[in-house]
Protein backbone atom coordinates (compact mmCIF):
# COMPACT_ATOMS: atom_id res chain seq x y z
CA MET A 1 -3.78 -48.46 2.26
CA ILE A 2 -7.04 -46.69 3.12
CA LEU A 3 -5.35 -44.81 5.96
CA ILE A 4 -2.66 -43.46 3.61
CA SER A 5 -5.30 -42.34 1.07
CA VAL A 6 -7.27 -40.59 3.78
CA GLY A 7 -4.10 -38.88 4.98
CA TRP A 8 -3.29 -37.62 1.48
CA LEU A 9 -6.84 -36.37 1.01
CA ALA A 10 -6.60 -34.50 4.30
CA VAL A 11 -3.35 -32.88 3.16
CA VAL A 12 -4.88 -31.92 -0.21
CA PHE A 13 -8.01 -30.43 1.35
CA PHE A 14 -5.94 -28.55 3.92
CA THR A 15 -3.73 -27.13 1.15
CA VAL A 16 -6.71 -26.10 -0.96
CA GLY A 17 -8.32 -24.49 2.08
CA MET A 18 -5.16 -22.51 2.85
CA CYS A 19 -4.93 -21.34 -0.76
CA ARG A 20 -8.55 -20.17 -0.68
CA ALA A 21 -7.99 -18.38 2.63
CA GLY A 22 -4.93 -16.64 1.19
CA ALA A 23 -6.82 -15.55 -1.92
CA HIS A 24 -9.68 -14.22 0.23
CA SER A 25 -7.19 -12.30 2.37
CA ASP A 26 -5.57 -10.76 -0.73
CA GLU A 27 -8.97 -9.64 -2.06
CA SER A 28 -9.84 -8.11 1.30
CA GLN A 29 -6.55 -6.22 1.42
CA ASP A 30 -7.04 -4.96 -2.15
CA LEU A 31 -10.52 -3.71 -1.29
CA ALA A 32 -9.29 -2.02 1.89
CA LEU A 33 -6.47 -0.33 -0.03
CA ARG A 34 -8.87 0.91 -2.73
CA GLU A 35 -11.21 2.34 -0.07
CA TRP A 36 -8.30 3.98 1.76
CA ILE A 37 -7.03 5.61 -1.47
CA ALA A 38 -10.54 6.79 -2.39
CA ALA A 39 -11.01 8.36 1.04
CA ALA A 40 -7.63 10.13 0.99
CA PRO A 41 -7.69 13.84 0.11
CA ALA A 42 -6.26 14.92 -3.22
CA PRO A 43 -2.54 15.78 -3.05
CA GLU A 44 -3.03 19.29 -4.45
CA ASN A 45 -5.43 20.11 -1.59
CA ASP A 46 -3.13 18.68 1.06
CA ALA A 47 -1.09 21.36 2.83
CA SER A 48 1.59 18.84 3.80
CA ALA A 49 2.20 18.05 0.11
CA ILE A 50 3.50 21.59 -0.53
CA PRO A 51 7.22 21.66 0.21
CA GLU A 52 8.41 24.41 2.47
CA GLU A 53 10.88 26.78 0.87
CA GLN A 54 14.27 26.50 2.47
CA PRO A 55 16.27 29.65 3.14
CA ALA A 56 19.05 30.39 0.67
CA LEU A 57 22.55 29.73 1.88
CA TYR A 58 24.24 32.24 -0.41
CA PRO A 59 23.34 35.93 -0.81
CA GLU A 60 23.34 35.57 -4.62
CA VAL A 61 20.70 32.85 -4.43
CA ARG A 62 18.65 34.89 -1.99
CA ALA A 63 18.73 37.92 -4.33
CA TYR A 64 17.76 35.70 -7.28
CA ARG A 65 14.79 34.28 -5.38
CA GLU A 66 13.64 37.71 -4.24
CA ALA A 67 13.83 39.03 -7.81
CA GLY A 68 11.47 36.30 -8.89
C-alpha cells in the first residue's frame, strides 16, 4: 500500500515538474520573440520590403506606367 502511494506521488511530482518546465520554456520563447521583434528594423526602412517593379508585358501597360 505504501509503495503504491509513493509511486503515485512520484508520478504527480514528475507531472507537475514537467508542466512547470513547459511553462518556463514558453515564457523564455515569448521573451526571446519580443526581443527579436524589438531588434528588427522597421519595415519602411528595410530595402527588401520594397517590392521591385516588374516590367510590363503589354505595350499599353508600359505606356500607362510611363505616363504616371
